[in-house]
Amino acid sequence: NSGGTQNAENELEKMWEEHEDETRRAEEGLNGGENSGGVEEPLFGEKQYDLSGSTSYEYDVVECEDFVEDKHAWVRNMPEEIRIANPDFVPT
């Protein structure tokens, strides 16, 4: 395993542990931890996550007076997960 992949796996494991802890605390807090007689009630933990997607746009400005071409900038700044998946990737 490379460093980037290991970091992603560690982060995912940490998130699952947090989720399991929050679920356990929510279950304990529901009816004082007693069984609700088979009636399923929604669980709400203290920590809430926003899993909705978001979109961002990045524009390359190449036709203004301040533009300075920086060849190979993408390679230097390539996200580690892309470098691992496809080290020859260059966006077009």
C-alpha atoms as a PDB file:
ATOM      1  CA  ASN A   1       0.000   0.000   0.000  1.00  0.00           C
ATOM      2  CA  SER A   2       1.238   3.459  -0.828  1.00  0.00           C
ATOM      3  CA  GLY A   3       0.981   6.360   1.573  1.00  0.00           C
ATOM      4  CA  GLY A   4      -2.020   8.012  -0.115  1.00  0.00           C
ATOM      5  CA  THR A   5      -4.038   4.825  -0.246  1.00  0.00           C
ATOM      6  CA  GLN A   6      -3.201   4.015   3.363  1.00  0.00           C
ATOM      7  CA  ASN A   7      -4.233   7.516   4.467  1.00  0.00           C
ATOM      8  CA  ALA A   8      -7.579   7.174   2.673  1.00  0.00           C
ATOM      9  CA  GLU A   9      -8.168   3.763   4.267  1.00  0.00           C
ATOM     10  CA  ASN A  10      -7.305   5.145   7.727  1.00  0.00           C
ATOM     11  CA  GLU A  11      -9.696   8.065   7.207  1.00  0.00           C
ATOM     12  CA  LEU A  12     -12.505   5.718   6.137  1.00  0.00           C
ATOM     13  CA  GLU A  13     -11.882   3.471   9.139  1.00  0.00           C
ATOM     14  CA  LYS A  14     -11.964   6.525  11.432  1.00  0.00           C
ATOM     15  CA  MET A  15     -15.301   7.634   9.937  1.00  0.00           C
ATOM     16  CA  TRP A  16     -16.852   4.176  10.483  1.00  0.00           C
ATOM     17  CA  GLU A  17     -15.633   4.120  14.087  1.00  0.00           C
ATOM     18  CA  GLU A  18     -17.187   7.562  14.659  1.00  0.00           C
ATOM     19  CA  HIS A  19     -20.425   6.359  13.066  1.00  0.00           C
ATOM     20  CA  GLU A  20     -20.540   3.256  15.266  1.00  0.00           C
ATOM     21  CA  ASP A  21     -19.828   5.342  18.389  1.00  0.00           C
ATOM     22  CA  GLU A  22     -22.576   7.835  17.492  1.00  0.00           C
ATOM     23  CA  THR A  23     -25.035   4.987  16.814  1.00  0.00           C
ATOM     24  CA  ARG A  24     -24.243   3.374  20.158  1.00  0.00           C
ATOM     25  CA  ARG A  25     -24.662   6.690  22.027  1.00  0.00           C
ATOM     26  CA  ALA A  26     -27.947   7.412  20.218  1.00  0.00           C
ATOM     27  CA  GLU A  27     -29.265   3.944  21.053  1.00  0.00           C
ATOM     28  CA  GLU A  28     -28.278   4.391  24.693  1.00  0.00           C
ATOM     29  CA  GLY A  29     -29.984   7.779  24.780  1.00  0.00           C
ATOM     30  CA  LEU A  30     -33.214   6.450  23.266  1.00  0.00           C
ATOM     31  CA  ASN A  31     -35.645   5.647  26.097  1.00  0.00           C
ATOM     32  CA  GLY A  32     -32.792   5.661  28.562  1.00  0.00           C
ATOM     33  CA  GLY A  33     -31.236   2.703  26.742  1.00  0.00           C
ATOM     34  CA  GLU A  34     -34.294   0.494  27.281  1.00  0.00           C
ATOM     35  CA  ASN A  35     -35.953  -1.508  24.523  1.00  0.00           C
ATOM     36  CA  SER A  36     -38.844   0.444  22.960  1.00  0.00           C
ATOM     37  CA  GLY A  37     -41.042  -2.649  22.642  1.00  0.00           C
ATOM     38  CA  GLY A  38     -40.078  -3.452  19.063  1.00  0.00           C
ATOM     39  CA  VAL A  39     -41.041  -0.013  17.756  1.00  0.00           C
ATOM     40  CA  GLU A  40     -38.296   1.365  15.540  1.00  0.00           C
ATOM     41  CA  GLU A  41     -37.569   5.023  16.183  1.00  0.00           C
ATOM     42  CA  PRO A  42     -35.106   7.173  14.252  1.00  0.00           C
ATOM     43  CA  LEU A  43     -31.729   7.648  15.889  1.00  0.00           C
ATOM     44  CA  PHE A  44     -30.164  11.076  16.121  1.00  0.00           C
ATOM     45  CA  GLY A  45     -26.589  11.327  17.285  1.00  0.00           C
ATOM     46  CA  GLU A  46     -24.861  14.428  18.586  1.00  0.00           C
ATOM     47  CA  LYS A  47     -22.716  14.671  15.472  1.00  0.00           C
ATOM     48  CA  GLN A  48     -24.492  15.315  12.180  1.00  0.00           C
ATOM     49  CA  TYR A  49     -22.911  14.778   8.766  1.00  0.00           C
ATOM     50  CA  ASP A  50     -23.785  16.540   5.536  1.00  0.00           C
ATOM     51  CA  LEU A  51     -23.334  13.927   2.839  1.00  0.00           C
ATOM     52  CA  SER A  52     -24.951  15.952   0.087  1.00  0.00           C
ATOM     53  CA  GLY A  53     -22.780  16.534  -2.920  1.00  0.00           C
ATOM     54  CA  SER A  54     -21.351  19.838  -3.958  1.00  0.00           C
ATOM     55  CA  THR A  55     -19.970  21.069  -7.228  1.00  0.00           C
ATOM     56  CA  SER A  56     -17.210  23.574  -7.636  1.00  0.00           C
ATOM     57  CA  TYR A  57     -15.774  25.065 -10.765  1.00  0.00           C
ATOM     58  CA  GLU A  58     -12.198  25.987 -11.472  1.00  0.00           C
ATOM     59  CA  TYR A  59     -11.418  28.186 -14.408  1.00  0.00           C
ATOM     60  CA  ASP A  60      -8.074  28.440 -16.147  1.00  0.00           C
ATOM     61  CA  VAL A  61      -7.438  32.052 -17.059  1.00  0.00           C
ATOM     62  CA  VAL A  62      -5.003  32.196 -19.942  1.00  0.00           C
ATOM     63  CA  GLU A  63      -5.835  35.350 -21.847  1.00  0.00           C
ATOM     64  CA  CYS A  64      -5.289  38.197 -19.436  1.00  0.00           C
ATOM     65  CA  GLU A  65      -2.337  40.487 -18.850  1.00  0.00           C
ATOM     66  CA  ASP A  66      -1.447  38.847 -15.522  1.00  0.00           C
ATOM     67  CA  PHE A  67      -1.327  35.283 -16.880  1.00  0.00           C
ATOM     68  CA  VAL A  68       2.043  33.569 -16.514  1.00  0.00           C
ATOM     69  CA  GLU A  69       2.261  30.130 -18.100  1.00  0.00           C
ATOM     70  CA  ASP A  70       3.467  27.515 -15.643  1.00  0.00           C
ATOM     71  CA  LYS A  71       4.207  24.332 -17.556  1.00  0.00           C
ATOM     72  CA  HIS A  72       3.848  21.121 -15.564  1.00  0.00           C
ATOM     73  CA  ALA A  73       1.938  22.902 -12.779  1.00  0.00           C
ATOM     74  CA  TRP A  74      -0.663  20.121 -12.887  1.00  0.00           C
ATOM     75  CA  VAL A  75       1.962  17.441 -12.289  1.00  0.00           C
ATOM     76  CA  ARG A  76       3.384  19.298  -9.273  1.00  0.00           C
ATOM     77  CA  ASN A  77      -0.071  19.911  -7.805  1.00  0.00           C
ATOM     78  CA  MET A  78      -1.761  16.652  -8.808  1.00  0.00           C
ATOM     79  CA  PRO A  79      -3.877  15.162  -5.987  1.00  0.00           C
ATOM     80  CA  GLU A  80      -2.215  12.079  -4.522  1.00  0.00           C
ATOM     81  CA  GLU A  81      -5.203   9.809  -5.237  1.00  0.00           C
ATOM     82  CA  ILE A  82      -5.012  10.656  -8.959  1.00  0.00           C
ATOM     83  CA  ARG A  83      -1.238  10.199  -8.987  1.00  0.00           C
ATOM     84  CA  ILE A  84      -1.728   6.710  -7.503  1.00  0.00           C
ATOM     85  CA  ALA A  85      -4.587   5.733  -9.824  1.00  0.00           C
ATOM     86  CA  ASN A  86      -3.022   7.086 -13.040  1.00  0.00           C
ATOM     87  CA  PRO A  87       0.369   8.779 -12.740  1.00  0.00           C
ATOM     88  CA  ASP A  88       0.326   9.760 -16.448  1.00  0.00           C
ATOM     89  CA  PHE A  89      -3.016  11.593 -16.255  1.00  0.00           C
ATOM     90  CA  VAL A  90      -3.060  15.140 -17.578  1.00  0.00           C
ATOM     91  CA  PRO A  91      -6.363  17.019 -17.719  1.00  0.00           C
ATOM     92  CA  THR A  92      -7.411  18.419 -21.068  1.00  0.00           C
END
